[in-house]
Amino acid sequence: MTSPSDTKISETDIARCASRARLELSGASRQRIAEELSEVKTLLSVLQTAPRGQFAPLQQLHEDFTPAREDSVLPSLCRQTALRNAPETDGTYVRVPPVL
């Protein structure tokens, strides 16, 4: 019986996922993505075999952790100065293009 990490991701799997996501992929793209995801899956299976109980979990990524600074209230820009720096305004607010 093959373990889930031994099974390769097929082009059919990629095509099915692309169809559900409404993406159009060429045959070469499907093949490349299948190969890359199979490699990632293989690397993850290798990581799963690594010993985990021997090490304490990390709290910080770096030993030289700089603690967060204290918050302080600073003066802000007046409306006219802020609007002068904006690319487009309506006189009161900054105008931004709609995002869909």
C-alpha atoms as a PDB file:
ATOM      1  CA  MET A   1       0.000   0.000   0.000  1.00  0.00           C
ATOM      2  CA  THR A   2       1.385   3.416  -0.902  1.00  0.00           C
ATOM      3  CA  SER A   3       1.453   6.183   1.662  1.00  0.00           C
ATOM      4  CA  PRO A   4      -0.048   9.572   0.774  1.00  0.00           C
ATOM      5  CA  SER A   5       3.457  11.036   0.492  1.00  0.00           C
ATOM      6  CA  ASP A   6       4.366   8.449  -2.198  1.00  0.00           C
ATOM      7  CA  THR A   7       1.531   9.424  -4.520  1.00  0.00           C
ATOM      8  CA  LYS A   8       2.366  12.028  -7.126  1.00  0.00           C
ATOM      9  CA  ILE A   9       0.109  14.922  -7.959  1.00  0.00           C
ATOM     10  CA  SER A  10      -1.158  14.303 -11.465  1.00  0.00           C
ATOM     11  CA  GLU A  11      -2.004  16.656 -14.286  1.00  0.00           C
ATOM     12  CA  THR A  12      -5.599  15.472 -13.882  1.00  0.00           C
ATOM     13  CA  ASP A  13      -5.592  16.733 -10.281  1.00  0.00           C
ATOM     14  CA  ILE A  14      -4.236  20.084 -11.440  1.00  0.00           C
ATOM     15  CA  ALA A  15      -6.793  20.299 -14.256  1.00  0.00           C
ATOM     16  CA  ARG A  16      -9.621  19.561 -11.820  1.00  0.00           C
ATOM     17  CA  CYS A  17      -8.426  22.238  -9.376  1.00  0.00           C
ATOM     18  CA  ALA A  18      -7.933  24.733 -12.216  1.00  0.00           C
ATOM     19  CA  SER A  19     -11.447  24.029 -13.463  1.00  0.00           C
ATOM     20  CA  ARG A  20     -12.916  24.631 -10.014  1.00  0.00           C
ATOM     21  CA  ALA A  21     -10.948  27.873  -9.734  1.00  0.00           C
ATOM     22  CA  ARG A  22     -12.039  28.802 -13.272  1.00  0.00           C
ATOM     23  CA  LEU A  23      -8.447  28.989 -14.492  1.00  0.00           C
ATOM     24  CA  GLU A  24      -7.276  28.051 -17.955  1.00  0.00           C
ATOM     25  CA  LEU A  25      -3.935  26.274 -17.922  1.00  0.00           C
ATOM     26  CA  SER A  26      -2.027  24.921 -20.900  1.00  0.00           C
ATOM     27  CA  GLY A  27      -0.806  21.333 -20.894  1.00  0.00           C
ATOM     28  CA  ALA A  28       2.750  22.481 -20.246  1.00  0.00           C
ATOM     29  CA  SER A  29       1.615  24.604 -17.283  1.00  0.00           C
ATOM     30  CA  ARG A  30      -0.377  21.721 -15.801  1.00  0.00           C
ATOM     31  CA  GLN A  31       2.640  19.436 -16.138  1.00  0.00           C
ATOM     32  CA  ARG A  32       5.034  21.971 -14.586  1.00  0.00           C
ATOM     33  CA  ILE A  33       2.673  22.711 -11.675  1.00  0.00           C
ATOM     34  CA  ALA A  34       2.100  18.991 -11.049  1.00  0.00           C
ATOM     35  CA  GLU A  35       5.863  18.372 -10.939  1.00  0.00           C
ATOM     36  CA  GLU A  36       6.502  21.335  -8.630  1.00  0.00           C
ATOM     37  CA  LEU A  37       3.702  20.393  -6.231  1.00  0.00           C
ATOM     38  CA  SER A  38       4.887  16.781  -6.180  1.00  0.00           C
ATOM     39  CA  GLU A  39       8.354  18.029  -5.211  1.00  0.00           C
ATOM     40  CA  VAL A  40       6.878  20.157  -2.428  1.00  0.00           C
ATOM     41  CA  LYS A  41       4.865  17.173  -1.212  1.00  0.00           C
ATOM     42  CA  THR A  42       8.014  15.022  -1.164  1.00  0.00           C
ATOM     43  CA  LEU A  43       9.933  17.663   0.808  1.00  0.00           C
ATOM     44  CA  LEU A  44       7.091  17.950   3.318  1.00  0.00           C
ATOM     45  CA  SER A  45       7.086  14.186   3.823  1.00  0.00           C
ATOM     46  CA  VAL A  46      10.833  14.375   4.570  1.00  0.00           C
ATOM     47  CA  LEU A  47      10.175  17.102   7.142  1.00  0.00           C
ATOM     48  CA  GLN A  48       7.538  14.931   8.811  1.00  0.00           C
ATOM     49  CA  THR A  49      10.186  12.285   9.511  1.00  0.00           C
ATOM     50  CA  ALA A  50      12.400  14.798  11.364  1.00  0.00           C
ATOM     51  CA  PRO A  51      12.611  14.335  15.149  1.00  0.00           C
ATOM     52  CA  ARG A  52      10.396  16.860  16.881  1.00  0.00           C
ATOM     53  CA  GLY A  53      10.440  16.037  20.577  1.00  0.00           C
ATOM     54  CA  GLN A  54      14.103  16.872  21.175  1.00  0.00           C
ATOM     55  CA  PHE A  55      13.841  20.643  20.823  1.00  0.00           C
ATOM     56  CA  ALA A  56      11.926  23.277  22.717  1.00  0.00           C
ATOM     57  CA  PRO A  57       9.548  25.311  20.532  1.00  0.00           C
ATOM     58  CA  LEU A  58      10.820  28.702  19.390  1.00  0.00           C
ATOM     59  CA  GLN A  59       9.304  31.792  20.894  1.00  0.00           C
ATOM     60  CA  GLN A  60      11.267  34.167  18.686  1.00  0.00           C
ATOM     61  CA  LEU A  61      12.986  33.498  15.399  1.00  0.00           C
ATOM     62  CA  HIS A  62      16.095  35.428  16.428  1.00  0.00           C
ATOM     63  CA  GLU A  63      17.920  35.468  19.721  1.00  0.00           C
ATOM     64  CA  ASP A  64      18.504  39.204  19.300  1.00  0.00           C
ATOM     65  CA  PHE A  65      14.829  40.032  19.709  1.00  0.00           C
ATOM     66  CA  THR A  66      14.118  43.745  20.020  1.00  0.00           C
ATOM     67  CA  PRO A  67      11.065  44.367  22.181  1.00  0.00           C
ATOM     68  CA  ALA A  68       8.360  46.624  20.795  1.00  0.00           C
ATOM     69  CA  ARG A  69       8.715  50.287  21.622  1.00  0.00           C
ATOM     70  CA  GLU A  70       6.234  52.146  23.787  1.00  0.00           C
ATOM     71  CA  ASP A  71       3.397  53.891  22.001  1.00  0.00           C
ATOM     72  CA  SER A  72       3.555  57.641  22.089  1.00  0.00           C
ATOM     73  CA  VAL A  73       1.179  60.313  20.838  1.00  0.00           C
ATOM     74  CA  LEU A  74       2.711  62.551  18.182  1.00  0.00           C
ATOM     75  CA  PRO A  75       1.179  65.542  16.433  1.00  0.00           C
ATOM     76  CA  SER A  76      -0.535  64.695  13.166  1.00  0.00           C
ATOM     77  CA  LEU A  77      -0.889  66.654   9.922  1.00  0.00           C
ATOM     78  CA  CYS A  78      -3.654  69.181   9.588  1.00  0.00           C
ATOM     79  CA  ARG A  79      -6.275  68.347   6.933  1.00  0.00           C
ATOM     80  CA  GLN A  80      -5.073  70.975   4.434  1.00  0.00           C
ATOM     81  CA  THR A  81      -1.471  69.712   4.551  1.00  0.00           C
ATOM     82  CA  ALA A  82      -2.554  66.099   4.143  1.00  0.00           C
ATOM     83  CA  LEU A  83      -4.858  66.956   1.220  1.00  0.00           C
ATOM     84  CA  ARG A  84      -2.085  68.961  -0.454  1.00  0.00           C
ATOM     85  CA  ASN A  85       0.003  65.753  -0.579  1.00  0.00           C
ATOM     86  CA  ALA A  86      -2.840  63.623  -1.975  1.00  0.00           C
ATOM     87  CA  PRO A  87      -2.927  62.868  -5.719  1.00  0.00           C
ATOM     88  CA  GLU A  88      -6.677  63.615  -5.925  1.00  0.00           C
ATOM     89  CA  THR A  89      -9.165  65.114  -3.464  1.00  0.00           C
ATOM     90  CA  ASP A  90     -12.722  66.412  -3.372  1.00  0.00           C
ATOM     91  CA  GLY A  91     -11.720  69.254  -1.033  1.00  0.00           C
ATOM     92  CA  THR A  92     -12.544  67.312   2.140  1.00  0.00           C
ATOM     93  CA  TYR A  93     -11.401  63.736   1.522  1.00  0.00           C
ATOM     94  CA  VAL A  94      -8.734  61.909  -0.452  1.00  0.00           C
ATOM     95  CA  ARG A  95     -10.269  60.334  -3.569  1.00  0.00           C
ATOM     96  CA  VAL A  96      -9.196  56.780  -4.398  1.00  0.00           C
ATOM     97  CA  PRO A  97     -10.177  54.623  -7.371  1.00  0.00           C
ATOM     98  CA  PRO A  98     -12.742  51.922  -6.648  1.00  0.00           C
ATOM     99  CA  VAL A  99     -11.390  48.451  -5.991  1.00  0.00           C
ATOM    100  CA  LEU A 100     -13.476  45.531  -7.180  1.00  0.00           C
END
